Amino acid sequence: MKKGQFKPGQSGNPAGRPPKAINKISRPVKESVADFLTEKFEELPEIWQKLKPREQARLLIDLLPYVASKMQAVSLDANINFDALSETELDIIINKIFDNEKK
């Protein structure tokens, strides 16, 4: 074992991170992304329309962690291979997600 390394199952902070501790890096990043999106908000519909459904899905997946808090995982009894779905099928899924969020 190298000097300074911990034994398996041990860490330098045995008490762990306190519950609801603020990540010092994520807050400025979230604020920067939110500011950027606010500045570019008027351009988003035009940009969005140019993206393929798969690119739209990827954009949502990539941006959501910066503007929405993580929710507890929910189990889903389905095996969905998104790579095997057509652009039309992906578009339907995206539209259903947006429709549910509006309710």
Protein backbone atom coordinates (compact mmCIF):
# COMPACT_ATOMS: atom_id res chain seq x y z
CA MET A 1 0.00 0.00 0.00
CA LYS A 2 1.32 3.43 -0.92
CA LYS A 3 1.96 6.00 1.77
CA GLY A 4 -1.12 8.16 2.33
CA GLN A 5 -3.61 5.63 0.97
CA PHE A 6 -6.40 4.33 3.12
CA LYS A 7 -7.17 0.69 3.79
CA PRO A 8 -10.17 -0.74 1.92
CA GLY A 9 -13.41 0.35 3.59
CA GLN A 10 -11.78 3.32 5.31
CA SER A 11 -11.67 6.97 4.37
CA GLY A 12 -10.10 10.18 5.55
CA ASN A 13 -13.50 11.27 6.82
CA PRO A 14 -15.04 8.40 8.82
CA ALA A 15 -18.08 10.50 9.77
CA GLY A 16 -18.82 11.09 6.09
CA ARG A 17 -20.29 14.14 4.46
CA PRO A 18 -23.03 15.75 6.57
CA PRO A 19 -26.58 15.31 5.24
CA LYS A 20 -27.70 18.13 2.93
CA ALA A 21 -24.16 19.53 2.79
CA ILE A 22 -23.80 22.01 -0.05
CA ASN A 23 -21.43 21.06 -2.82
CA LYS A 24 -19.26 24.16 -3.14
CA ILE A 25 -18.59 23.59 -6.83
CA SER A 26 -22.06 22.68 -8.02
CA ARG A 27 -23.81 25.86 -6.85
CA PRO A 28 -21.68 28.23 -9.02
CA VAL A 29 -21.89 25.81 -11.95
CA LYS A 30 -25.69 25.55 -11.60
CA GLU A 31 -25.95 29.34 -11.41
CA SER A 32 -23.73 29.77 -14.47
CA VAL A 33 -25.75 27.27 -16.50
CA ALA A 34 -29.00 28.88 -15.35
CA ASP A 35 -27.66 32.33 -16.29
CA PHE A 36 -26.55 31.06 -19.69
CA LEU A 37 -29.94 29.47 -20.36
CA THR A 38 -31.69 32.66 -19.26
CA GLU A 39 -29.56 34.72 -21.65
CA LYS A 40 -30.10 32.29 -24.53
CA PHE A 41 -33.73 31.49 -23.69
CA GLU A 42 -35.12 33.25 -26.77
CA GLU A 43 -32.81 31.22 -29.05
CA LEU A 44 -33.65 27.82 -27.52
CA PRO A 45 -36.76 27.01 -29.60
CA GLU A 46 -34.84 27.58 -32.85
CA ILE A 47 -31.89 25.50 -31.62
CA TRP A 48 -34.21 22.78 -30.29
CA GLN A 49 -35.99 22.43 -33.64
CA LYS A 50 -32.68 21.81 -35.40
CA LEU A 51 -31.84 18.88 -33.11
CA LYS A 52 -32.77 15.29 -33.86
CA PRO A 53 -34.90 13.58 -31.18
CA ARG A 54 -31.88 11.65 -29.89
CA GLU A 55 -29.93 14.92 -29.59
CA GLN A 56 -32.90 16.52 -27.80
CA ALA A 57 -32.98 13.65 -25.31
CA ARG A 58 -29.22 13.90 -24.74
CA LEU A 59 -29.46 17.67 -24.21
CA LEU A 60 -32.19 17.21 -21.60
CA ILE A 61 -30.26 14.48 -19.82
CA ASP A 62 -27.10 16.58 -19.79
CA LEU A 63 -28.71 19.84 -18.60
CA LEU A 64 -31.25 18.62 -16.06
CA PRO A 65 -28.74 17.92 -13.28
CA TYR A 66 -27.65 21.57 -13.42
CA VAL A 67 -31.11 23.07 -13.02
CA ALA A 68 -33.12 20.48 -11.09
CA SER A 69 -32.35 18.75 -7.85
CA LYS A 70 -31.84 15.03 -8.02
CA MET A 71 -34.88 13.00 -7.18
CA GLN A 72 -34.84 9.66 -5.46
CA ALA A 73 -34.55 6.78 -7.88
CA VAL A 74 -37.75 5.04 -8.89
CA SER A 75 -37.63 1.46 -10.02
CA LEU A 76 -38.99 0.69 -13.46
CA ASP A 77 -39.83 -2.84 -14.43
CA ALA A 78 -38.83 -2.43 -18.06
CA ASN A 79 -35.72 -2.91 -20.10
CA ILE A 80 -35.65 -0.16 -22.69
CA ASN A 81 -32.85 -0.06 -25.21
CA PHE A 82 -32.96 3.59 -26.23
CA ASP A 83 -30.33 3.00 -28.90
CA ALA A 84 -32.72 0.60 -30.65
CA LEU A 85 -35.59 3.11 -30.75
CA SER A 86 -36.35 5.09 -33.89
CA GLU A 87 -36.20 8.87 -33.95
CA THR A 88 -40.02 8.92 -34.01
CA GLU A 89 -40.27 6.66 -30.95
CA LEU A 90 -37.78 8.83 -29.04
CA ASP A 91 -39.75 11.93 -30.04
CA ILE A 92 -42.96 10.37 -28.67
CA ILE A 93 -41.26 9.60 -25.35
CA ILE A 94 -39.87 13.14 -25.07
CA ASN A 95 -43.29 14.65 -25.81
CA LYS A 96 -44.96 12.43 -23.19
CA ILE A 97 -42.39 13.51 -20.59
CA PHE A 98 -43.08 17.19 -21.35
CA ASP A 99 -46.86 16.63 -21.30
CA ASN A 100 -46.63 14.99 -17.85
CA GLU A 101 -44.51 17.83 -16.48
CA LYS A 102 -47.18 20.39 -17.49
CA LYS A 103 -49.86 18.63 -15.42
